[in-house]
């Protein structure tokens, strides 16, 4: 009980500073979008925002597989999702200009939501099929224009070690974008800050970037979805870093 109280207190302290970092750096991003249409400075500020939060909260990130990415190439990154900290981890780990396909409710958060919108991230209204289709078409257009897009195929944060069923819509977008899909396996954030709690526990995170999957090899979204799922599962270690498990790479 004492340990849980400690991590809850630490989590509340972390979230206080997450709000501070987000207000200051989110406002900076909004201002920069008016003078930096290419998004290079904005991307640097966003990465600094993520790194600052991770360092303050005592989270270290180890990245494997960066050599598999071609500098300047636009990708659709697809990652498993267990925690809000996945967002900070991915911003810190992945190179290039990174946009997001995110649930619409995030865009209503003051400053944070405006920053997401201004930098070009794409909101998805899951309750409206036609709106979601238009949104995913917009995301595909942004990828073809040279921006990498981050998606969480599970659609929400999982509360257990097992991967949730993948949503098909984002793979329709990936096929339309025509750029390679890169499976990204995140291990460790389930222990740092799982869903349904504000407690935060410092610790390491492992990110494994799998080889890009060319969408030209697929005609069915279901086949692409299964290939991405298998690649993520092959490197996702739900017990990391507190349980023994052989590396399956």
Protein backbone atom coordinates (compact mmCIF):
# COMPACT_ATOMS: atom_id res chain seq x y z
CA UNK A 1 0.00 0.00 0.00
CA UNK A 2 2.85 2.38 0.83
CA UNK A 3 4.43 1.79 -2.59
CA UNK A 4 1.11 2.47 -4.37
CA UNK A 5 0.68 5.70 -2.44
CA UNK A 6 4.23 6.72 -3.34
CA UNK A 7 3.73 6.09 -7.07
CA UNK A 8 0.39 7.91 -7.01
CA UNK A 9 1.98 10.93 -5.36
CA UNK A 10 4.82 10.84 -7.88
CA UNK A 11 2.30 10.51 -10.70
CA UNK A 12 0.36 13.57 -9.56
CA UNK A 13 3.62 15.53 -9.35
CA UNK A 14 4.59 14.32 -12.84
CA UNK A 15 1.22 15.29 -14.30
CA UNK A 16 1.46 18.75 -12.75
CA UNK A 17 4.70 19.28 -14.66
CA UNK A 18 3.36 17.59 -17.79
CA UNK A 19 0.65 20.27 -17.82
CA UNK A 20 3.28 23.00 -17.35
CA UNK A 21 5.50 21.61 -20.14
CA UNK A 22 2.46 21.26 -22.42
CA UNK A 23 1.17 24.78 -21.82
CA UNK A 24 4.58 26.38 -22.43
CA UNK A 25 5.82 24.24 -25.31
CA UNK A 26 2.38 23.70 -26.84
CA UNK A 27 1.93 27.47 -27.01
CA UNK A 28 5.38 27.72 -28.58
CA UNK A 29 4.39 25.20 -31.25
CA UNK A 30 1.22 27.13 -32.04
CA UNK A 31 3.19 30.36 -32.52
CA UNK A 32 5.88 28.64 -34.61
CA UNK A 33 3.33 27.22 -37.06
CA UNK A 34 2.75 30.78 -38.31
CA UNK A 35 6.43 31.33 -39.14
CA UNK A 36 7.58 27.76 -39.85
CA UNK A 37 5.17 26.29 -42.45
CA UNK A 38 7.57 23.42 -43.14
CA UNK A 39 7.24 22.25 -39.56
CA UNK A 40 10.94 21.67 -38.85
CA UNK A 41 11.14 23.95 -35.82
CA UNK A 42 7.78 22.72 -34.57
CA UNK A 43 8.98 19.13 -34.75
CA UNK A 44 12.08 20.01 -32.73
CA UNK A 45 9.95 21.68 -30.05
CA UNK A 46 7.57 18.69 -29.96
CA UNK A 47 10.51 16.32 -29.53
CA UNK A 48 11.97 18.53 -26.79
CA UNK A 49 8.54 18.49 -25.07
CA UNK A 50 8.50 14.69 -25.09
CA UNK A 51 12.12 14.31 -23.97
CA UNK A 52 11.62 16.81 -21.14
CA UNK A 53 8.63 14.92 -19.80
CA UNK A 54 10.37 11.54 -20.02
CA UNK A 55 13.48 12.80 -18.24
CA UNK A 56 11.50 14.54 -15.51
CA UNK A 57 9.41 11.41 -14.87
CA UNK A 58 12.46 9.14 -14.77
CA UNK A 59 11.70 7.23 -17.98
CA UNK A 60 14.60 6.06 -20.16
CA UNK A 61 14.08 4.91 -23.74
CA UNK A 62 16.15 2.38 -25.68
CA UNK A 63 15.51 2.32 -29.43
CA UNK A 64 16.44 -0.56 -31.73
CA UNK A 65 16.12 -0.62 -35.51
CA UNK A 66 16.58 3.05 -36.48
CA UNK A 67 19.03 1.90 -39.14
CA UNK A 68 16.07 0.32 -40.96
CA UNK A 69 14.62 3.75 -41.77
CA UNK A 70 15.69 5.85 -44.76
CA UNK A 71 16.31 9.52 -43.85
CA UNK A 72 13.75 11.79 -45.49
CA UNK A 73 11.34 8.94 -46.29
CA UNK A 74 7.68 9.28 -45.28
CA UNK A 75 6.23 6.31 -43.39
CA UNK A 76 3.06 5.17 -41.70
CA UNK A 77 4.23 4.11 -38.24
CA UNK A 78 1.98 1.61 -36.45
CA UNK A 79 2.54 0.90 -32.74
CA UNK A 80 0.91 -0.95 -29.89
CA UNK A 81 -0.67 1.25 -27.22
CA UNK A 82 -0.68 0.77 -23.44
CA UNK A 83 -0.17 4.21 -21.89
CA UNK A 84 -0.29 7.94 -22.45
CA UNK A 85 3.49 7.71 -22.16
CA UNK A 86 3.56 5.97 -25.56
CA UNK A 87 3.04 9.40 -27.11
CA UNK A 88 6.09 10.87 -25.39
CA UNK A 89 8.16 7.78 -26.16
CA UNK A 90 7.34 7.79 -29.88
CA UNK A 91 7.97 11.52 -30.30
CA UNK A 92 11.35 11.02 -28.63
CA UNK A 93 12.26 7.85 -30.55
CA UNK A 94 11.14 8.40 -34.15
CA UNK A 95 12.92 10.70 -36.62
CA UNK A 96 11.52 13.16 -39.14
CA UNK A 97 8.28 15.12 -39.23
CA UNK A 98 5.73 13.05 -37.33
CA UNK A 99 1.97 13.65 -37.41
CA UNK A 100 -0.73 11.64 -35.67
CA UNK A 101 -4.11 10.10 -36.36
CA UNK A 102 -5.75 10.71 -32.97
CA UNK A 103 -9.19 10.52 -31.41
CA UNK A 104 -11.18 13.71 -31.76
CA UNK A 105 -11.54 14.31 -28.01
CA UNK A 106 -7.80 15.08 -27.72
CA UNK A 107 -8.28 18.10 -29.97
CA UNK A 108 -10.65 19.65 -27.40
CA UNK A 109 -7.93 19.86 -24.72
CA UNK A 110 -6.90 23.52 -24.35
CA UNK A 111 -3.56 24.41 -25.96
CA UNK A 112 -2.66 20.74 -26.53
CA UNK A 113 -5.58 20.30 -28.91
CA UNK A 114 -4.86 23.54 -30.73
CA UNK A 115 -1.22 22.52 -31.10
CA UNK A 116 -2.24 19.15 -32.57
CA UNK A 117 -4.48 20.88 -35.07
CA UNK A 118 -1.97 23.57 -36.04
CA UNK A 119 0.88 21.13 -36.69
CA UNK A 120 -1.34 19.05 -39.00
CA UNK A 121 -2.44 16.07 -36.91
CA UNK A 122 -5.68 14.39 -37.98
CA UNK A 123 -8.70 13.96 -35.65
CA UNK A 124 -10.89 10.89 -36.04
CA UNK A 125 -14.56 10.89 -35.00
CA UNK A 126 -15.17 7.21 -34.34
CA UNK A 127 -18.91 7.75 -33.94
CA UNK A 128 -19.32 9.03 -37.51
CA UNK A 129 -18.25 6.60 -40.24
CA UNK A 130 -18.39 9.08 -43.13
CA UNK A 131 -16.42 11.67 -41.17
CA UNK A 132 -13.83 9.05 -40.22
CA UNK A 133 -13.41 8.05 -43.87
CA UNK A 134 -12.85 11.68 -44.90
CA UNK A 135 -10.36 12.11 -42.10
CA UNK A 136 -8.36 9.04 -43.06
CA UNK A 137 -8.30 10.24 -46.67
CA UNK A 138 -6.79 13.50 -45.39
CA UNK A 139 -4.17 11.52 -43.47
CA UNK A 140 -3.24 9.57 -46.62
CA UNK A 141 -2.84 12.86 -48.51
CA UNK A 142 -0.47 14.22 -45.85
CA UNK A 143 1.68 11.07 -46.05
CA UNK A 144 1.88 11.31 -49.85
CA UNK A 145 2.97 14.93 -49.37
CA UNK A 146 5.96 13.80 -47.30
CA UNK A 147 4.90 13.70 -43.62
CA UNK A 148 5.10 10.48 -41.63
CA UNK A 149 1.90 9.49 -39.85
CA UNK A 150 1.64 7.70 -36.49
CA UNK A 151 -1.27 5.34 -35.85
CA UNK A 152 -2.32 3.07 -32.99
CA UNK A 153 -4.07 0.18 -34.78
CA UNK A 154 -5.66 -1.03 -31.52
CA UNK A 155 -7.61 2.23 -31.41
CA UNK A 156 -7.26 2.70 -27.66
CA UNK A 157 -4.95 1.90 -24.75
CA UNK A 158 -5.01 -1.75 -23.76
CA UNK A 159 -5.28 -2.65 -20.07
CA UNK A 160 -3.78 -6.13 -20.39
CA UNK A 161 -0.61 -7.59 -21.84
CA UNK A 162 -2.38 -9.01 -24.90
CA UNK A 163 -2.72 -6.94 -28.06
CA UNK A 164 -6.26 -5.76 -28.77
CA UNK A 165 -7.94 -6.43 -32.13
CA UNK A 166 -6.69 -4.03 -34.80
CA UNK A 167 -8.98 -1.51 -36.51
CA UNK A 168 -9.21 -1.93 -40.27
CA UNK A 169 -9.80 1.72 -41.18
CA UNK A 170 -6.23 2.87 -40.57
CA UNK A 171 -4.95 0.18 -42.93
CA UNK A 172 -7.23 1.44 -45.68
CA UNK A 173 -5.50 4.79 -45.13
CA UNK A 174 -2.08 3.13 -45.28
CA UNK A 175 -2.88 1.46 -48.59
CA UNK A 176 -4.11 4.78 -50.03
CA UNK A 177 -1.01 6.60 -48.79
CA UNK A 178 1.19 4.20 -50.76
CA UNK A 179 4.13 4.59 -48.37
CA UNK A 180 5.72 1.77 -46.34
CA UNK A 181 4.16 0.81 -43.00
CA UNK A 182 6.65 0.49 -40.15
CA UNK A 183 5.60 -1.72 -37.21
CA UNK A 184 6.82 -0.31 -33.87
CA UNK A 185 6.79 -2.42 -30.69
CA UNK A 186 6.72 -0.54 -27.38
CA UNK A 187 7.53 -2.51 -24.22
CA UNK A 188 7.52 -1.13 -20.69
CA UNK A 189 4.93 1.66 -20.67
CA UNK A 190 2.30 -0.70 -19.24
CA UNK A 191 4.32 -0.67 -16.03
CA UNK A 192 5.13 3.04 -16.07
CA UNK A 193 1.59 4.38 -16.29
CA UNK A 194 -1.19 1.95 -17.24
CA UNK A 195 -4.67 3.01 -18.15
CA UNK A 196 -7.16 3.89 -15.39
CA UNK A 197 -4.57 5.21 -12.94
CA UNK A 198 -2.63 8.41 -12.38
CA UNK A 199 0.23 6.57 -10.68
CA UNK A 200 3.56 6.80 -12.48
CA UNK A 201 6.51 4.50 -11.86
CA UNK A 202 9.92 5.46 -13.31
CA UNK A 203 11.61 2.84 -15.45
CA UNK A 204 12.96 1.84 -18.85
CA UNK A 205 11.09 1.51 -22.13
CA UNK A 206 12.20 -0.51 -25.14
CA UNK A 207 11.19 0.49 -28.66
CA UNK A 208 11.86 -1.91 -31.54
CA UNK A 209 11.42 -0.65 -35.11
CA UNK A 210 10.71 -3.53 -37.50
CA UNK A 211 11.63 -3.46 -41.21
CA UNK A 212 9.24 -1.31 -43.29
CA UNK A 213 6.47 -3.25 -45.02
CA UNK A 214 5.79 -2.18 -48.61
CA UNK A 215 2.06 -1.75 -49.18
CA UNK A 216 2.44 -2.48 -52.90
CA UNK A 217 2.71 -6.14 -51.91
CA UNK A 218 -0.87 -6.13 -50.58
CA UNK A 219 -4.26 -5.78 -52.21
CA UNK A 220 -6.36 -6.56 -49.10
CA UNK A 221 -6.27 -4.44 -45.94
CA UNK A 222 -6.74 -7.59 -43.86
CA UNK A 223 -3.48 -9.07 -45.15
CA UNK A 224 -1.56 -5.86 -44.45
CA UNK A 225 -3.12 -5.65 -41.00
CA UNK A 226 -2.06 -9.21 -40.17
CA UNK A 227 1.49 -8.64 -41.37
CA UNK A 228 1.81 -5.53 -39.18
CA UNK A 229 0.25 -7.28 -36.19
CA UNK A 230 2.67 -10.20 -36.43
CA UNK A 231 5.66 -7.85 -36.64
CA UNK A 232 4.55 -5.84 -33.60
CA UNK A 233 3.80 -8.98 -31.59
CA UNK A 234 7.19 -10.51 -32.46
CA UNK A 235 9.05 -7.74 -30.60
CA UNK A 236 6.49 -6.71 -27.98
CA UNK A 237 7.51 -7.94 -24.53
CA UNK A 238 4.57 -7.39 -22.12
CA UNK A 239 6.75 -8.43 -19.17
CA UNK A 240 9.52 -5.91 -19.84
CA UNK A 241 11.40 -4.94 -17.73
CA UNK A 242 10.20 -6.81 -14.63
CA UNK A 243 9.69 -10.36 -15.88
CA UNK A 244 11.92 -12.96 -17.52
CA UNK A 245 11.35 -13.61 -21.17
CA UNK A 246 13.53 -14.72 -24.07
CA UNK A 247 13.99 -12.14 -26.77
CA UNK A 248 12.15 -13.44 -29.84
CA UNK A 249 13.94 -11.31 -32.40
